[in-house]
Structure formats: C-alpha cells, structure tokens
Amino acid sequence: LHQHFSDIDSNLRAWGQFTLALPVFFCCLPWAEWDLRTSELPLILYLGLGIALLGHGLWVHSCTALSTTTTSILSYLYLPLSLVLSFLTLGEKLAGKAWLGLALVLAANALVVVGQSRRGTLKF
C-alpha cells in the first residue's frame, strides 16, 4: 500500500495513520488499567507521540522506498532482534522454545536472501 500511494508524502501518511488511531485509543482509554503517576505523563506523551511517530514515519518511508522482499525480511527480524536485545541488555532468560523460534526465523530469512540473490531478484 505504501508503494502504491508513494505520491503522498511519507510524513503525511504517517500522521494520517496516527490521526485515525488516536480516536480509537481515546475510546478505549476508560477500560485501561494503568498505574501511572502524574509526573510520568510527559514521558508517556514523548514516547507515544515523539518516538513512536518518528519510528513509524521511518518505517513508512522504508516500506515506500525498499522492495517488498526487503521490507518483509526487515519486519520478520523484529522478533529475533527484540529477543536478543532483551537477553543482552536486560539479562532475561530465554526458554529453549524462544531460542528455537529465533533460529527458525533467522534461517527462514537467510533462505529468502540466498534464494533471491541466486535468482538475481534481491533488491535493496
């Protein structure tokens, strides 16, 4: 979809998605069970609006500029990357199933890269 609507500015598309999601968020807010202090509100707004909007804006631009194969590979690397970062930075212990899943996702991505490069269709 992002490549199809590439004539619309990436920032405008990202802001549009956030604008459409914001009313849904506010409608669901009464059912949320958060234990937040008032002093944490600026941080939540910064993370929710600033960092998420920046990250999503970069993702929208990447989906528009990169091939669908490359975008798919990048999106499937989120899970292994988050597991490895949790292990390295937070010291979380990962179960054997998590390591197996991580290995399977990495192997599948490697097979896609090898297969596409052999056919000469891999484009970054």
C-alpha atoms as a PDB file:
ATOM      1  CA  LEU A   1       0.000   0.000   0.000  1.00  0.00           C
ATOM      2  CA  HIS A   2       2.793   2.428   0.821  1.00  0.00           C
ATOM      3  CA  GLN A   3       4.380   1.901  -2.577  1.00  0.00           C
ATOM      4  CA  HIS A   4       1.003   2.303  -4.264  1.00  0.00           C
ATOM      5  CA  PHE A   5       0.431   5.667  -2.567  1.00  0.00           C
ATOM      6  CA  SER A   6       4.029   6.871  -2.866  1.00  0.00           C
ATOM      7  CA  ASP A   7       2.840  10.128  -4.467  1.00  0.00           C
ATOM      8  CA  ILE A   8       1.584  11.164  -0.993  1.00  0.00           C
ATOM      9  CA  ASP A   9       4.352  12.387   1.313  1.00  0.00           C
ATOM     10  CA  SER A  10       5.580   9.748   3.811  1.00  0.00           C
ATOM     11  CA  ASN A  11       5.190  12.104   6.765  1.00  0.00           C
ATOM     12  CA  LEU A  12       1.609  12.885   5.775  1.00  0.00           C
ATOM     13  CA  ARG A  13       0.782   9.166   5.555  1.00  0.00           C
ATOM     14  CA  ALA A  14       2.352   8.504   8.975  1.00  0.00           C
ATOM     15  CA  TRP A  15       0.483  11.442  10.560  1.00  0.00           C
ATOM     16  CA  GLY A  16      -2.723  10.255   8.897  1.00  0.00           C
ATOM     17  CA  GLN A  17      -2.395   6.802  10.429  1.00  0.00           C
ATOM     18  CA  PHE A  18      -1.741   8.286  13.861  1.00  0.00           C
ATOM     19  CA  THR A  19      -4.681  10.683  13.472  1.00  0.00           C
ATOM     20  CA  LEU A  20      -7.023   7.816  12.631  1.00  0.00           C
ATOM     21  CA  ALA A  21      -5.701   5.664  15.502  1.00  0.00           C
ATOM     22  CA  LEU A  22      -5.936   8.406  18.131  1.00  0.00           C
ATOM     23  CA  PRO A  23      -9.768   8.392  18.440  1.00  0.00           C
ATOM     24  CA  VAL A  24      -9.734   4.597  18.826  1.00  0.00           C
ATOM     25  CA  PHE A  25      -7.135   4.948  21.581  1.00  0.00           C
ATOM     26  CA  PHE A  26      -9.193   7.579  23.386  1.00  0.00           C
ATOM     27  CA  CYS A  27     -12.360   5.473  23.122  1.00  0.00           C
ATOM     28  CA  CYS A  28     -10.574   2.511  24.744  1.00  0.00           C
ATOM     29  CA  LEU A  29      -8.885   4.625  27.414  1.00  0.00           C
ATOM     30  CA  PRO A  30     -11.618   4.232  30.078  1.00  0.00           C
ATOM     31  CA  TRP A  31     -11.057   0.468  30.141  1.00  0.00           C
ATOM     32  CA  ALA A  32      -7.284   0.736  30.538  1.00  0.00           C
ATOM     33  CA  GLU A  33      -5.819  -0.167  33.906  1.00  0.00           C
ATOM     34  CA  TRP A  34      -2.681   1.903  34.253  1.00  0.00           C
ATOM     35  CA  ASP A  35      -0.905   2.717  37.456  1.00  0.00           C
ATOM     36  CA  LEU A  36       0.742   5.972  36.409  1.00  0.00           C
ATOM     37  CA  ARG A  37       1.886   8.970  38.366  1.00  0.00           C
ATOM     38  CA  THR A  38       1.198  12.444  37.041  1.00  0.00           C
ATOM     39  CA  SER A  39       4.927  13.056  36.766  1.00  0.00           C
ATOM     40  CA  GLU A  40       5.168  10.219  34.191  1.00  0.00           C
ATOM     41  CA  LEU A  41       2.667  11.781  31.779  1.00  0.00           C
ATOM     42  CA  PRO A  42       5.245  13.888  29.857  1.00  0.00           C
ATOM     43  CA  LEU A  43       7.391  10.778  29.340  1.00  0.00           C
ATOM     44  CA  ILE A  44       4.409   8.788  28.093  1.00  0.00           C
ATOM     45  CA  LEU A  45       3.498  11.562  25.659  1.00  0.00           C
ATOM     46  CA  TYR A  46       7.117  11.797  24.490  1.00  0.00           C
ATOM     47  CA  LEU A  47       7.354   8.052  23.905  1.00  0.00           C
ATOM     48  CA  GLY A  48       3.892   7.733  22.403  1.00  0.00           C
ATOM     49  CA  LEU A  49       3.910  10.750  20.152  1.00  0.00           C
ATOM     50  CA  GLY A  50       7.568  11.599  19.622  1.00  0.00           C
ATOM     51  CA  ILE A  51       9.399   8.303  19.446  1.00  0.00           C
ATOM     52  CA  ALA A  52       6.553   6.200  18.026  1.00  0.00           C
ATOM     53  CA  LEU A  53       5.742   8.788  15.379  1.00  0.00           C
ATOM     54  CA  LEU A  54       9.401   9.068  14.386  1.00  0.00           C
ATOM     55  CA  GLY A  55       9.822   5.296  14.205  1.00  0.00           C
ATOM     56  CA  HIS A  56       6.590   4.809  12.309  1.00  0.00           C
ATOM     57  CA  GLY A  57       7.483   7.627   9.928  1.00  0.00           C
ATOM     58  CA  LEU A  58      10.798   5.922   9.166  1.00  0.00           C
ATOM     59  CA  TRP A  59       9.012   2.611   8.650  1.00  0.00           C
ATOM     60  CA  VAL A  60       6.501   4.191   6.248  1.00  0.00           C
ATOM     61  CA  HIS A  61       9.367   5.746   4.283  1.00  0.00           C
ATOM     62  CA  SER A  62      11.273   2.429   4.238  1.00  0.00           C
ATOM     63  CA  CYS A  63       8.212   0.497   3.032  1.00  0.00           C
ATOM     64  CA  THR A  64       7.820   3.010   0.233  1.00  0.00           C
ATOM     65  CA  ALA A  65      11.465   3.068  -0.865  1.00  0.00           C
ATOM     66  CA  LEU A  66      12.512  -0.575  -0.406  1.00  0.00           C
ATOM     67  CA  SER A  67      11.340  -3.668  -2.248  1.00  0.00           C
ATOM     68  CA  THR A  68       8.624  -5.787  -0.676  1.00  0.00           C
ATOM     69  CA  THR A  69      11.097  -8.649  -0.145  1.00  0.00           C
ATOM     70  CA  THR A  70      13.474  -6.414   1.786  1.00  0.00           C
ATOM     71  CA  THR A  71      10.616  -4.935   3.796  1.00  0.00           C
ATOM     72  CA  SER A  72       9.375  -8.441   4.645  1.00  0.00           C
ATOM     73  CA  ILE A  73      12.823  -9.518   5.793  1.00  0.00           C
ATOM     74  CA  LEU A  74      13.141  -6.444   7.984  1.00  0.00           C
ATOM     75  CA  SER A  75       9.693  -6.917   9.517  1.00  0.00           C
ATOM     76  CA  TYR A  76      10.397 -10.559  10.378  1.00  0.00           C
ATOM     77  CA  LEU A  77      13.656  -9.563  12.089  1.00  0.00           C
ATOM     78  CA  TYR A  78      11.759  -7.619  14.775  1.00  0.00           C
ATOM     79  CA  LEU A  79      11.116 -10.698  16.893  1.00  0.00           C
ATOM     80  CA  PRO A  80      14.663 -12.117  16.909  1.00  0.00           C
ATOM     81  CA  LEU A  81      16.118  -8.660  17.473  1.00  0.00           C
ATOM     82  CA  SER A  82      13.853  -7.996  20.442  1.00  0.00           C
ATOM     83  CA  LEU A  83      14.687 -11.388  21.955  1.00  0.00           C
ATOM     84  CA  VAL A  84      18.430 -10.866  21.576  1.00  0.00           C
ATOM     85  CA  LEU A  85      18.261  -7.306  22.936  1.00  0.00           C
ATOM     86  CA  SER A  86      16.204  -8.483  25.921  1.00  0.00           C
ATOM     87  CA  PHE A  87      18.768 -11.183  26.579  1.00  0.00           C
ATOM     88  CA  LEU A  88      21.794  -8.891  26.218  1.00  0.00           C
ATOM     89  CA  THR A  89      20.550  -5.682  27.829  1.00  0.00           C
ATOM     90  CA  LEU A  90      18.017  -6.862  30.402  1.00  0.00           C
ATOM     91  CA  GLY A  91      19.515 -10.236  31.202  1.00  0.00           C
ATOM     92  CA  GLU A  92      16.239 -12.031  30.542  1.00  0.00           C
ATOM     93  CA  LYS A  93      16.432 -15.791  30.410  1.00  0.00           C
ATOM     94  CA  LEU A  94      15.011 -17.221  27.220  1.00  0.00           C
ATOM     95  CA  ALA A  95      13.385 -20.638  27.110  1.00  0.00           C
ATOM     96  CA  GLY A  96      14.540 -23.241  24.631  1.00  0.00           C
ATOM     97  CA  LYS A  97      11.440 -22.602  22.525  1.00  0.00           C
ATOM     98  CA  ALA A  98      12.382 -18.921  22.215  1.00  0.00           C
ATOM     99  CA  TRP A  99      15.873 -19.817  21.000  1.00  0.00           C
ATOM    100  CA  LEU A 100      14.383 -22.343  18.583  1.00  0.00           C
ATOM    101  CA  GLY A 101      11.940 -19.750  17.236  1.00  0.00           C
ATOM    102  CA  LEU A 102      14.743 -17.226  16.895  1.00  0.00           C
ATOM    103  CA  ALA A 103      16.840 -19.725  14.937  1.00  0.00           C
ATOM    104  CA  LEU A 104      13.903 -20.640  12.670  1.00  0.00           C
ATOM    105  CA  VAL A 105      13.128 -17.005  11.823  1.00  0.00           C
ATOM    106  CA  LEU A 106      16.784 -16.252  11.107  1.00  0.00           C
ATOM    107  CA  ALA A 107      17.110 -19.405   8.976  1.00  0.00           C
ATOM    108  CA  ALA A 108      13.970 -18.535   7.007  1.00  0.00           C
ATOM    109  CA  ASN A 109      15.263 -15.025   6.356  1.00  0.00           C
ATOM    110  CA  ALA A 110      18.622 -16.418   5.287  1.00  0.00           C
ATOM    111  CA  LEU A 111      16.897 -18.806   2.872  1.00  0.00           C
ATOM    112  CA  VAL A 112      14.924 -15.933   1.345  1.00  0.00           C
ATOM    113  CA  VAL A 113      18.079 -13.838   0.908  1.00  0.00           C
ATOM    114  CA  VAL A 114      20.024 -16.732  -0.616  1.00  0.00           C
ATOM    115  CA  GLY A 115      17.150 -17.719  -2.911  1.00  0.00           C
ATOM    116  CA  GLN A 116      16.520 -14.169  -4.096  1.00  0.00           C
ATOM    117  CA  SER A 117      20.219 -13.453  -4.647  1.00  0.00           C
ATOM    118  CA  ARG A 118      20.669 -16.660  -6.698  1.00  0.00           C
ATOM    119  CA  ARG A 119      17.786 -15.618  -8.936  1.00  0.00           C
ATOM    120  CA  GLY A 120      19.170 -12.109  -9.133  1.00  0.00           C
ATOM    121  CA  THR A 121      15.902 -10.627  -7.864  1.00  0.00           C
ATOM    122  CA  LEU A 122      17.107  -9.378  -4.480  1.00  0.00           C
ATOM    123  CA  LYS A 123      16.926  -5.598  -4.448  1.00  0.00           C
ATOM    124  CA  PHE A 124      17.721  -3.330  -1.570  1.00  0.00           C
END
